[in-house]
Amino acid sequence: MKSEQNVIRLYDGPAPGSESWTHSEQESFSQPWQTQVVFNVVDPTLTLVAPAAGTANGTAIVICPGGGFHALSIESEGFGVARWLAAKGVTCFVLKYRLAECRTDDPASEQATKSRPDFEAAVQSVIGLAMADAQAALAHVRSNADGYGVDANRIGIIGFSAGGITAASTAYSYTPASRPDFVAPIYAVYNWLPDKRVPADAPPMFLAAATDDPLGLAPHSVSYYNDWTAAQKPVELHLYSVGGHGFGMRKQNLPSDSWIERFGDWLGVQGFLDQ
């Protein structure tokens, strides 16, 4: 699935803004989430998942797994997504962005037992760092586009839940180097966005969520949709009646399982799957 030579550090030295952190990255299988997770990310990285030789179409995407800014659902919302898109010719980069420190080896349970104020304080302490990592990831791919065999004008970003707002933030505020050419916030938080002004050259957006999301995030996707339609920017929204939260690439035998195919359709309509 990955090898060390495919792991790219985002920063040459300690990540700016967290130089004093002393904890270290860990990975485990989360029983509550029933998937592999990464937590205590200190040194942000990208892991390259490339298409088979001769099949790359020039499009690249940065993938931001979710996990409440306490963990990353690295398989269901990371490498599983990357493998599907790489099979379509997309060059994928799975982002490990900085997270709140976990004191146990069970980040899912740890964040679930925090009081709402404690959870939000932990999120607010790192959300800006995570968003900076996403911008740095896009800028890295663009500045190295030739080396990766991708088109510098076909670099997008997708994210899930916490990773969704991390990805979405890059479409509201960017430099020429970090502007995404397309963005896909999936069951993403909206309320924590630091800037809700849609830029004049905002990229096309794809959205998906489930109405029965127990975290109540379906209306957040509608908020993104409303921002883009009000600004007369291209946007597509899929709201499934059932699917819950965090469905990612998990198979639930529900219509929401097909969201990734709808995303592939949308990429095709936008011209991002053309050779």
C-alpha atoms as a PDB file:
ATOM      1  CA  MET A   1       0.000   0.000   0.000  1.00  0.00           C
ATOM      2  CA  LYS A   2       2.822   2.374   0.788  1.00  0.00           C
ATOM      3  CA  SER A   3       6.557   2.411   1.217  1.00  0.00           C
ATOM      4  CA  GLU A   4       8.959   4.745   2.947  1.00  0.00           C
ATOM      5  CA  GLN A   5      10.166   6.262  -0.329  1.00  0.00           C
ATOM      6  CA  ASN A   6       6.580   7.360  -0.998  1.00  0.00           C
ATOM      7  CA  VAL A   7       6.353   9.342   2.268  1.00  0.00           C
ATOM      8  CA  ILE A   8       7.114  13.052   1.868  1.00  0.00           C
ATOM      9  CA  ARG A   9       7.696  15.379   4.823  1.00  0.00           C
ATOM     10  CA  LEU A  10       5.866  18.677   4.406  1.00  0.00           C
ATOM     11  CA  TYR A  11       8.427  20.770   6.263  1.00  0.00           C
ATOM     12  CA  ASP A  12      12.222  20.603   6.315  1.00  0.00           C
ATOM     13  CA  GLY A  13      12.413  21.084  10.079  1.00  0.00           C
ATOM     14  CA  PRO A  14       9.845  21.096  12.895  1.00  0.00           C
ATOM     15  CA  ALA A  15       6.410  22.110  11.644  1.00  0.00           C
ATOM     16  CA  PRO A  16       5.850  25.848  12.155  1.00  0.00           C
ATOM     17  CA  GLY A  17       3.689  26.573  15.183  1.00  0.00           C
ATOM     18  CA  SER A  18       4.264  23.262  16.969  1.00  0.00           C
ATOM     19  CA  GLU A  19       8.030  23.260  17.435  1.00  0.00           C
ATOM     20  CA  SER A  20       7.711  22.481  21.152  1.00  0.00           C
ATOM     21  CA  TRP A  21       5.639  19.301  20.738  1.00  0.00           C
ATOM     22  CA  THR A  22       7.345  16.231  22.199  1.00  0.00           C
ATOM     23  CA  HIS A  23       4.805  13.438  21.637  1.00  0.00           C
ATOM     24  CA  SER A  24       5.160  11.023  18.728  1.00  0.00           C
ATOM     25  CA  GLU A  25       2.929   9.638  16.004  1.00  0.00           C
ATOM     26  CA  GLN A  26       1.180   6.317  16.639  1.00  0.00           C
ATOM     27  CA  GLU A  27      -1.056   3.968  14.675  1.00  0.00           C
ATOM     28  CA  SER A  28      -3.540   1.348  15.849  1.00  0.00           C
ATOM     29  CA  PHE A  29      -6.813  -0.373  15.016  1.00  0.00           C
ATOM     30  CA  SER A  30      -9.734   1.522  16.529  1.00  0.00           C
ATOM     31  CA  GLN A  31     -12.388  -0.783  17.927  1.00  0.00           C
ATOM     32  CA  PRO A  32     -15.007   2.007  18.269  1.00  0.00           C
ATOM     33  CA  TRP A  33     -14.487   3.061  14.647  1.00  0.00           C
ATOM     34  CA  GLN A  34     -13.614  -0.406  13.324  1.00  0.00           C
ATOM     35  CA  THR A  35     -10.797   0.916  11.161  1.00  0.00           C
ATOM     36  CA  GLN A  36      -7.100   1.692  11.251  1.00  0.00           C
ATOM     37  CA  VAL A  37      -6.258   5.105  12.734  1.00  0.00           C
ATOM     38  CA  VAL A  38      -3.222   7.338  13.098  1.00  0.00           C
ATOM     39  CA  PHE A  39      -2.933   9.764  16.011  1.00  0.00           C
ATOM     40  CA  ASN A  40      -0.505  12.195  17.684  1.00  0.00           C
ATOM     41  CA  VAL A  41       0.725  13.473  14.329  1.00  0.00           C
ATOM     42  CA  VAL A  42       3.592  15.920  14.944  1.00  0.00           C
ATOM     43  CA  ASP A  43       5.482  15.755  11.638  1.00  0.00           C
ATOM     44  CA  PRO A  44       2.967  16.249   8.784  1.00  0.00           C
ATOM     45  CA  THR A  45       3.532  14.048   5.745  1.00  0.00           C
ATOM     46  CA  LEU A  46       2.100  13.117   2.382  1.00  0.00           C
ATOM     47  CA  THR A  47       2.052   9.499   1.231  1.00  0.00           C
ATOM     48  CA  LEU A  48       2.039   9.089  -2.538  1.00  0.00           C
ATOM     49  CA  VAL A  49      -0.339   6.521  -4.044  1.00  0.00           C
ATOM     50  CA  ALA A  50       0.367   6.580  -7.765  1.00  0.00           C
ATOM     51  CA  PRO A  51      -1.655   5.123 -10.649  1.00  0.00           C
ATOM     52  CA  ALA A  52      -0.311   2.084 -12.472  1.00  0.00           C
ATOM     53  CA  ALA A  53       2.408   2.866 -14.985  1.00  0.00           C
ATOM     54  CA  GLY A  54       1.007   4.444 -18.115  1.00  0.00           C
ATOM     55  CA  THR A  55      -2.437   5.195 -16.653  1.00  0.00           C
ATOM     56  CA  ALA A  56      -1.914   8.585 -14.974  1.00  0.00           C
ATOM     57  CA  ASN A  57      -4.159  11.298 -16.430  1.00  0.00           C
ATOM     58  CA  GLY A  58      -2.353  14.321 -14.960  1.00  0.00           C
ATOM     59  CA  THR A  59      -4.815  15.034 -12.153  1.00  0.00           C
ATOM     60  CA  ALA A  60      -3.595  14.987  -8.545  1.00  0.00           C
ATOM     61  CA  ILE A  61      -5.517  15.048  -5.283  1.00  0.00           C
ATOM     62  CA  VAL A  62      -4.624  15.591  -1.629  1.00  0.00           C
ATOM     63  CA  ILE A  63      -6.724  13.363   0.671  1.00  0.00           C
ATOM     64  CA  CYS A  64      -7.469  14.514   4.243  1.00  0.00           C
ATOM     65  CA  PRO A  65      -8.869  11.730   6.492  1.00  0.00           C
ATOM     66  CA  GLY A  66     -11.157  12.702   9.355  1.00  0.00           C
ATOM     67  CA  GLY A  67     -11.207  11.886  13.056  1.00  0.00           C
ATOM     68  CA  GLY A  68     -12.287  14.911  15.074  1.00  0.00           C
ATOM     69  CA  PHE A  69      -8.796  16.436  14.968  1.00  0.00           C
ATOM     70  CA  HIS A  70      -7.783  13.706  17.449  1.00  0.00           C
ATOM     71  CA  ALA A  71      -7.075  10.902  14.942  1.00  0.00           C
ATOM     72  CA  LEU A  72      -7.055  10.108  11.237  1.00  0.00           C
ATOM     73  CA  SER A  73      -9.246   7.358   9.791  1.00  0.00           C
ATOM     74  CA  ILE A  74      -6.287   6.515   7.621  1.00  0.00           C
ATOM     75  CA  GLU A  75      -7.699   3.501   5.773  1.00  0.00           C
ATOM     76  CA  SER A  76     -11.433   4.175   5.237  1.00  0.00           C
ATOM     77  CA  GLU A  77     -10.965   7.892   4.540  1.00  0.00           C
ATOM     78  CA  GLY A  78      -7.370   7.793   3.316  1.00  0.00           C
ATOM     79  CA  PHE A  79      -5.727   4.909   1.509  1.00  0.00           C
ATOM     80  CA  GLY A  80      -9.015   3.283   0.498  1.00  0.00           C
ATOM     81  CA  VAL A  81     -10.023   6.501  -1.268  1.00  0.00           C
ATOM     82  CA  ALA A  82      -6.552   6.786  -2.799  1.00  0.00           C
ATOM     83  CA  ARG A  83      -6.616   3.286  -4.270  1.00  0.00           C
ATOM     84  CA  TRP A  84     -10.030   3.899  -5.886  1.00  0.00           C
ATOM     85  CA  LEU A  85      -8.941   7.203  -7.414  1.00  0.00           C
ATOM     86  CA  ALA A  86      -5.526   5.896  -8.493  1.00  0.00           C
ATOM     87  CA  ALA A  87      -7.354   3.202 -10.461  1.00  0.00           C
ATOM     88  CA  LYS A  88      -8.987   6.096 -12.366  1.00  0.00           C
ATOM     89  CA  GLY A  89      -5.589   7.589 -13.197  1.00  0.00           C
ATOM     90  CA  VAL A  90      -5.474  10.178 -10.389  1.00  0.00           C
ATOM     91  CA  THR A  91      -2.173  10.664  -8.553  1.00  0.00           C
ATOM     92  CA  CYS A  92      -3.050  10.651  -4.849  1.00  0.00           C
ATOM     93  CA  PHE A  93      -1.379  12.104  -1.766  1.00  0.00           C
ATOM     94  CA  VAL A  94      -2.731  11.031   1.640  1.00  0.00           C
ATOM     95  CA  LEU A  95      -2.143  13.832   4.137  1.00  0.00           C
ATOM     96  CA  LYS A  96      -1.318  13.271   7.781  1.00  0.00           C
ATOM     97  CA  TYR A  97      -2.009  16.686   9.289  1.00  0.00           C
ATOM     98  CA  ARG A  98      -1.345  17.809  12.849  1.00  0.00           C
ATOM     99  CA  LEU A  99      -3.759  16.713  15.559  1.00  0.00           C
ATOM    100  CA  ALA A 100      -4.586  17.347  19.209  1.00  0.00           C
ATOM    101  CA  GLU A 101      -2.436  15.263  21.553  1.00  0.00           C
ATOM    102  CA  CYS A 102      -3.980  12.032  22.816  1.00  0.00           C
ATOM    103  CA  ARG A 103      -2.933  10.733  26.239  1.00  0.00           C
ATOM    104  CA  THR A 104      -4.145   7.176  25.616  1.00  0.00           C
ATOM    105  CA  ASP A 105      -3.848   4.644  22.782  1.00  0.00           C
ATOM    106  CA  ASP A 106      -7.590   4.913  22.064  1.00  0.00           C
ATOM    107  CA  PRO A 107      -8.189   8.331  20.484  1.00  0.00           C
ATOM    108  CA  ALA A 108     -11.794   7.567  19.496  1.00  0.00           C
ATOM    109  CA  SER A 109     -12.832   6.779  23.064  1.00  0.00           C
ATOM    110  CA  GLU A 110     -10.675   9.563  24.485  1.00  0.00           C
ATOM    111  CA  GLN A 111     -12.357  12.287  22.451  1.00  0.00           C
ATOM    112  CA  ALA A 112     -15.814  10.775  23.036  1.00  0.00           C
ATOM    113  CA  THR A 113     -15.391  11.105  26.803  1.00  0.00           C
ATOM    114  CA  LYS A 114     -14.272  14.749  26.705  1.00  0.00           C
ATOM    115  CA  SER A 115     -16.754  17.418  27.710  1.00  0.00           C
ATOM    116  CA  ARG A 116     -17.938  19.597  24.846  1.00  0.00           C
ATOM    117  CA  PRO A 117     -15.881  22.607  26.055  1.00  0.00           C
ATOM    118  CA  ASP A 118     -12.743  20.457  26.442  1.00  0.00           C
ATOM    119  CA  PHE A 119     -13.240  18.897  23.011  1.00  0.00           C
ATOM    120  CA  GLU A 120     -13.743  22.264  21.319  1.00  0.00           C
ATOM    121  CA  ALA A 121     -10.720  23.730  23.123  1.00  0.00           C
ATOM    122  CA  ALA A 122      -8.584  20.845  21.863  1.00  0.00           C
ATOM    123  CA  VAL A 123      -9.871  21.356  18.316  1.00  0.00           C
ATOM    124  CA  GLN A 124      -9.287  25.099  18.383  1.00  0.00           C
ATOM    125  CA  SER A 125      -5.704  24.538  19.512  1.00  0.00           C
ATOM    126  CA  VAL A 126      -4.844  22.605  16.333  1.00  0.00           C
ATOM    127  CA  ILE A 127      -7.378  23.418  13.617  1.00  0.00           C
ATOM    128  CA  GLY A 128      -5.312  26.304  12.259  1.00  0.00           C
ATOM    129  CA  LEU A 129      -2.239  24.062  12.101  1.00  0.00           C
ATOM    130  CA  ALA A 130      -4.174  21.368  10.228  1.00  0.00           C
ATOM    131  CA  MET A 131      -5.425  23.945   7.730  1.00  0.00           C
ATOM    132  CA  ALA A 132      -1.868  25.244   7.253  1.00  0.00           C
ATOM    133  CA  ASP A 133      -0.739  21.674   6.557  1.00  0.00           C
ATOM    134  CA  ALA A 134      -3.391  21.301   3.851  1.00  0.00           C
ATOM    135  CA  GLN A 135      -2.231  24.513   2.184  1.00  0.00           C
ATOM    136  CA  ALA A 136       1.379  23.360   2.408  1.00  0.00           C
ATOM    137  CA  ALA A 137       0.399  20.016   0.864  1.00  0.00           C
ATOM    138  CA  LEU A 138      -1.240  21.656  -2.155  1.00  0.00           C
ATOM    139  CA  ALA A 139       1.707  24.007  -2.594  1.00  0.00           C
ATOM    140  CA  HIS A 140       4.143  21.089  -2.406  1.00  0.00           C
ATOM    141  CA  VAL A 141       2.340  19.093  -5.075  1.00  0.00           C
ATOM    142  CA  ARG A 142       2.072  22.117  -7.348  1.00  0.00           C
ATOM    143  CA  SER A 143       5.732  23.121  -6.977  1.00  0.00           C
ATOM    144  CA  ASN A 144       6.769  19.529  -7.741  1.00  0.00           C
ATOM    145  CA  ALA A 145       4.128  18.832 -10.402  1.00  0.00           C
ATOM    146  CA  ASP A 146       6.619  17.948 -13.110  1.00  0.00           C
ATOM    147  CA  GLY A 147       8.391  15.454 -10.881  1.00  0.00           C
ATOM    148  CA  TYR A 148       5.111  13.780  -9.990  1.00  0.00           C
ATOM    149  CA  GLY A 149       3.941  13.769 -13.608  1.00  0.00           C
ATOM    150  CA  VAL A 150       0.853  15.879 -12.891  1.00  0.00           C
ATOM    151  CA  ASP A 151      -0.639  19.038 -14.362  1.00  0.00           C
ATOM    152  CA  ALA A 152      -0.095  22.049 -12.081  1.00  0.00           C
ATOM    153  CA  ASN A 153      -3.617  23.218 -13.036  1.00  0.00           C
ATOM    154  CA  ARG A 154      -5.310  19.937 -12.046  1.00  0.00           C
ATOM    155  CA  ILE A 155      -4.532  19.612  -8.333  1.00  0.00           C
ATOM    156  CA  GLY A 156      -7.491  19.182  -5.994  1.00  0.00           C
ATOM    157  CA  ILE A 157      -8.259  18.221  -2.413  1.00  0.00           C
ATOM    158  CA  ILE A 158     -10.833  16.020  -0.678  1.00  0.00           C
ATOM    159  CA  GLY A 159     -11.492  15.615   3.033  1.00  0.00           C
ATOM    160  CA  PHE A 160     -13.831  13.897   5.452  1.00  0.00           C
ATOM    161  CA  SER A 161     -15.468  15.375   8.584  1.00  0.00           C
ATOM    162  CA  ALA A 162     -12.613  17.205  10.375  1.00  0.00           C
ATOM    163  CA  GLY A 163     -10.557  16.552   7.259  1.00  0.00           C
ATOM    164  CA  GLY A 164     -13.463  17.987   5.292  1.00  0.00           C
ATOM    165  CA  ILE A 165     -13.229  21.401   6.905  1.00  0.00           C
ATOM    166  CA  THR A 166      -9.448  21.159   6.598  1.00  0.00           C
ATOM    167  CA  ALA A 167      -9.856  20.618   2.856  1.00  0.00           C
ATOM    168  CA  ALA A 168     -12.692  23.131   2.485  1.00  0.00           C
ATOM    169  CA  SER A 169     -10.700  25.900   4.149  1.00  0.00           C
ATOM    170  CA  THR A 170      -8.242  25.835   1.242  1.00  0.00           C
ATOM    171  CA  ALA A 171     -11.068  26.839  -1.127  1.00  0.00           C
ATOM    172  CA  TYR A 172     -11.935  29.926   0.924  1.00  0.00           C
ATOM    173  CA  SER A 173      -8.412  31.217   1.503  1.00  0.00           C
ATOM    174  CA  TYR A 174      -5.349  30.458  -0.594  1.00  0.00           C
ATOM    175  CA  THR A 175      -2.268  31.765  -2.335  1.00  0.00           C
ATOM    176  CA  PRO A 176      -1.608  31.096  -6.029  1.00  0.00           C
ATOM    177  CA  ALA A 177       0.620  28.190  -4.960  1.00  0.00           C
ATOM    178  CA  SER A 178      -1.960  26.612  -2.631  1.00  0.00           C
ATOM    179  CA  ARG A 179      -5.188  27.185  -4.575  1.00  0.00           C
ATOM    180  CA  PRO A 180      -7.020  23.892  -5.165  1.00  0.00           C
ATOM    181  CA  ASP A 181      -8.357  23.367  -8.679  1.00  0.00           C
ATOM    182  CA  PHE A 182     -11.276  21.425  -7.190  1.00  0.00           C
ATOM    183  CA  VAL A 183     -12.416  20.678  -3.657  1.00  0.00           C
ATOM    184  CA  ALA A 184     -14.593  17.962  -2.108  1.00  0.00           C
ATOM    185  CA  PRO A 185     -15.687  18.356   1.533  1.00  0.00           C
ATOM    186  CA  ILE A 186     -17.410  15.089   2.547  1.00  0.00           C
ATOM    187  CA  TYR A 187     -19.714  15.258   5.628  1.00  0.00           C
ATOM    188  CA  ALA A 188     -17.626  18.269   6.596  1.00  0.00           C
ATOM    189  CA  VAL A 189     -17.941  20.672   9.496  1.00  0.00           C
ATOM    190  CA  TYR A 190     -18.791  24.234   8.411  1.00  0.00           C
ATOM    191  CA  ASN A 191     -19.128  26.304  11.570  1.00  0.00           C
ATOM    192  CA  TRP A 192     -15.418  26.286  12.429  1.00  0.00           C
ATOM    193  CA  LEU A 193     -14.351  27.881   9.132  1.00  0.00           C
ATOM    194  CA  PRO A 194     -12.214  30.932   9.942  1.00  0.00           C
ATOM    195  CA  ASP A 195     -13.171  32.702   6.700  1.00  0.00           C
ATOM    196  CA  LYS A 196     -16.529  32.234   4.963  1.00  0.00           C
ATOM    197  CA  ARG A 197     -16.004  34.650   2.068  1.00  0.00           C
ATOM    198  CA  VAL A 198     -16.002  32.903  -1.299  1.00  0.00           C
ATOM    199  CA  PRO A 199     -13.089  34.104  -3.478  1.00  0.00           C
ATOM    200  CA  ALA A 200     -13.747  35.485  -6.932  1.00  0.00           C
ATOM    201  CA  ASP A 201     -11.876  32.561  -8.532  1.00  0.00           C
ATOM    202  CA  ALA A 202     -13.151  29.857  -6.175  1.00  0.00           C
ATOM    203  CA  PRO A 203     -12.763  26.302  -7.540  1.00  0.00           C
ATOM    204  CA  PRO A 204     -15.606  23.862  -8.286  1.00  0.00           C
ATOM    205  CA  MET A 205     -16.893  21.974  -5.250  1.00  0.00           C
ATOM    206  CA  PHE A 206     -18.350  18.485  -4.680  1.00  0.00           C
ATOM    207  CA  LEU A 207     -20.258  17.701  -1.467  1.00  0.00           C
ATOM    208  CA  ALA A 208     -21.726  14.557   0.074  1.00  0.00           C
ATOM    209  CA  ALA A 209     -23.270  13.698   3.447  1.00  0.00           C
ATOM    210  CA  ALA A 210     -26.066  11.679   5.051  1.00  0.00           C
ATOM    211  CA  THR A 211     -29.225  13.247   6.445  1.00  0.00           C
ATOM    212  CA  ASP A 212     -29.137  10.875   9.419  1.00  0.00           C
ATOM    213  CA  ASP A 213     -25.589  11.896  10.368  1.00  0.00           C
ATOM    214  CA  PRO A 214     -25.692  11.622  14.199  1.00  0.00           C
ATOM    215  CA  LEU A 215     -23.386  14.636  14.492  1.00  0.00           C
ATOM    216  CA  GLY A 216     -25.936  16.738  12.620  1.00  0.00           C
ATOM    217  CA  LEU A 217     -23.529  17.684   9.841  1.00  0.00           C
ATOM    218  CA  ALA A 218     -25.881  17.368   6.842  1.00  0.00           C
ATOM    219  CA  PRO A 219     -26.942  21.043   7.137  1.00  0.00           C
ATOM    220  CA  HIS A 220     -23.253  21.977   7.164  1.00  0.00           C
ATOM    221  CA  SER A 221     -22.940  20.574   3.634  1.00  0.00           C
ATOM    222  CA  VAL A 222     -25.964  22.675   2.667  1.00  0.00           C
ATOM    223  CA  SER A 223     -24.147  25.747   4.036  1.00  0.00           C
ATOM    224  CA  TYR A 224     -21.182  25.074   1.761  1.00  0.00           C
ATOM    225  CA  TYR A 225     -23.580  24.547  -1.138  1.00  0.00           C
ATOM    226  CA  ASN A 226     -25.357  27.824  -0.397  1.00  0.00           C
ATOM    227  CA  ASP A 227     -22.060  29.710  -0.273  1.00  0.00           C
ATOM    228  CA  TRP A 228     -21.061  28.376  -3.692  1.00  0.00           C
ATOM    229  CA  THR A 229     -24.446  28.884  -5.352  1.00  0.00           C
ATOM    230  CA  ALA A 230     -24.713  32.422  -3.979  1.00  0.00           C
ATOM    231  CA  ALA A 231     -21.309  33.158  -5.504  1.00  0.00           C
ATOM    232  CA  GLN A 232     -22.407  31.467  -8.768  1.00  0.00           C
ATOM    233  CA  LYS A 233     -19.620  28.909  -8.580  1.00  0.00           C
ATOM    234  CA  PRO A 234     -19.878  25.290  -9.813  1.00  0.00           C
ATOM    235  CA  VAL A 235     -21.080  22.952  -7.065  1.00  0.00           C
ATOM    236  CA  GLU A 236     -22.720  19.528  -6.732  1.00  0.00           C
ATOM    237  CA  LEU A 237     -24.362  18.215  -3.547  1.00  0.00           C
ATOM    238  CA  HIS A 238     -25.424  14.658  -2.661  1.00  0.00           C
ATOM    239  CA  LEU A 239     -27.468  14.146   0.514  1.00  0.00           C
ATOM    240  CA  TYR A 240     -28.301  10.506   1.258  1.00  0.00           C
ATOM    241  CA  SER A 241     -31.275   9.731   3.476  1.00  0.00           C
ATOM    242  CA  VAL A 242     -29.245   7.220   5.508  1.00  0.00           C
ATOM    243  CA  GLY A 243     -25.545   6.520   5.849  1.00  0.00           C
ATOM    244  CA  GLY A 244     -24.591   7.964   9.206  1.00  0.00           C
ATOM    245  CA  HIS A 245     -21.310   9.694   9.862  1.00  0.00           C
ATOM    246  CA  GLY A 246     -17.877   8.621   8.738  1.00  0.00           C
ATOM    247  CA  PHE A 247     -19.001   6.208   6.041  1.00  0.00           C
ATOM    248  CA  GLY A 248     -15.898   6.806   3.921  1.00  0.00           C
ATOM    249  CA  MET A 249     -15.115   3.667   1.925  1.00  0.00           C
ATOM    250  CA  ARG A 250     -16.943   1.342   4.341  1.00  0.00           C
ATOM    251  CA  LYS A 251     -19.571  -0.848   2.728  1.00  0.00           C
ATOM    252  CA  GLN A 252     -22.935  -0.568   4.476  1.00  0.00           C
ATOM    253  CA  ASN A 253     -25.090  -1.872   1.610  1.00  0.00           C
ATOM    254  CA  LEU A 254     -26.693   1.551   1.378  1.00  0.00           C
ATOM    255  CA  PRO A 255     -26.942   4.058  -1.473  1.00  0.00           C
ATOM    256  CA  SER A 256     -24.341   6.187   0.335  1.00  0.00           C
ATOM    257  CA  ASP A 257     -21.794   3.467  -0.523  1.00  0.00           C
ATOM    258  CA  SER A 258     -21.825   4.851  -4.071  1.00  0.00           C
ATOM    259  CA  TRP A 259     -20.733   8.381  -3.157  1.00  0.00           C
ATOM    260  CA  ILE A 260     -17.231   7.702  -4.505  1.00  0.00           C
ATOM    261  CA  GLU A 261     -18.715   6.736  -7.886  1.00  0.00           C
ATOM    262  CA  ARG A 262     -20.683   9.978  -7.948  1.00  0.00           C
ATOM    263  CA  PHE A 263     -17.450  11.805  -7.155  1.00  0.00           C
ATOM    264  CA  GLY A 264     -15.783   9.990 -10.045  1.00  0.00           C
ATOM    265  CA  ASP A 265     -18.670  11.003 -12.328  1.00  0.00           C
ATOM    266  CA  TRP A 266     -18.271  14.610 -11.207  1.00  0.00           C
ATOM    267  CA  LEU A 267     -14.516  14.569 -11.807  1.00  0.00           C
ATOM    268  CA  GLY A 268     -15.243  13.314 -15.311  1.00  0.00           C
ATOM    269  CA  VAL A 269     -17.803  16.039 -16.008  1.00  0.00           C
ATOM    270  CA  GLN A 270     -15.292  18.640 -14.801  1.00  0.00           C
ATOM    271  CA  GLY A 271     -12.660  17.243 -17.167  1.00  0.00           C
ATOM    272  CA  PHE A 272     -10.316  15.961 -14.453  1.00  0.00           C
ATOM    273  CA  LEU A 273     -10.301  12.361 -15.687  1.00  0.00           C
ATOM    274  CA  ASP A 274      -9.361  13.246 -19.270  1.00  0.00           C
ATOM    275  CA  GLN A 275      -5.972  12.052 -20.431  1.00  0.00           C
END
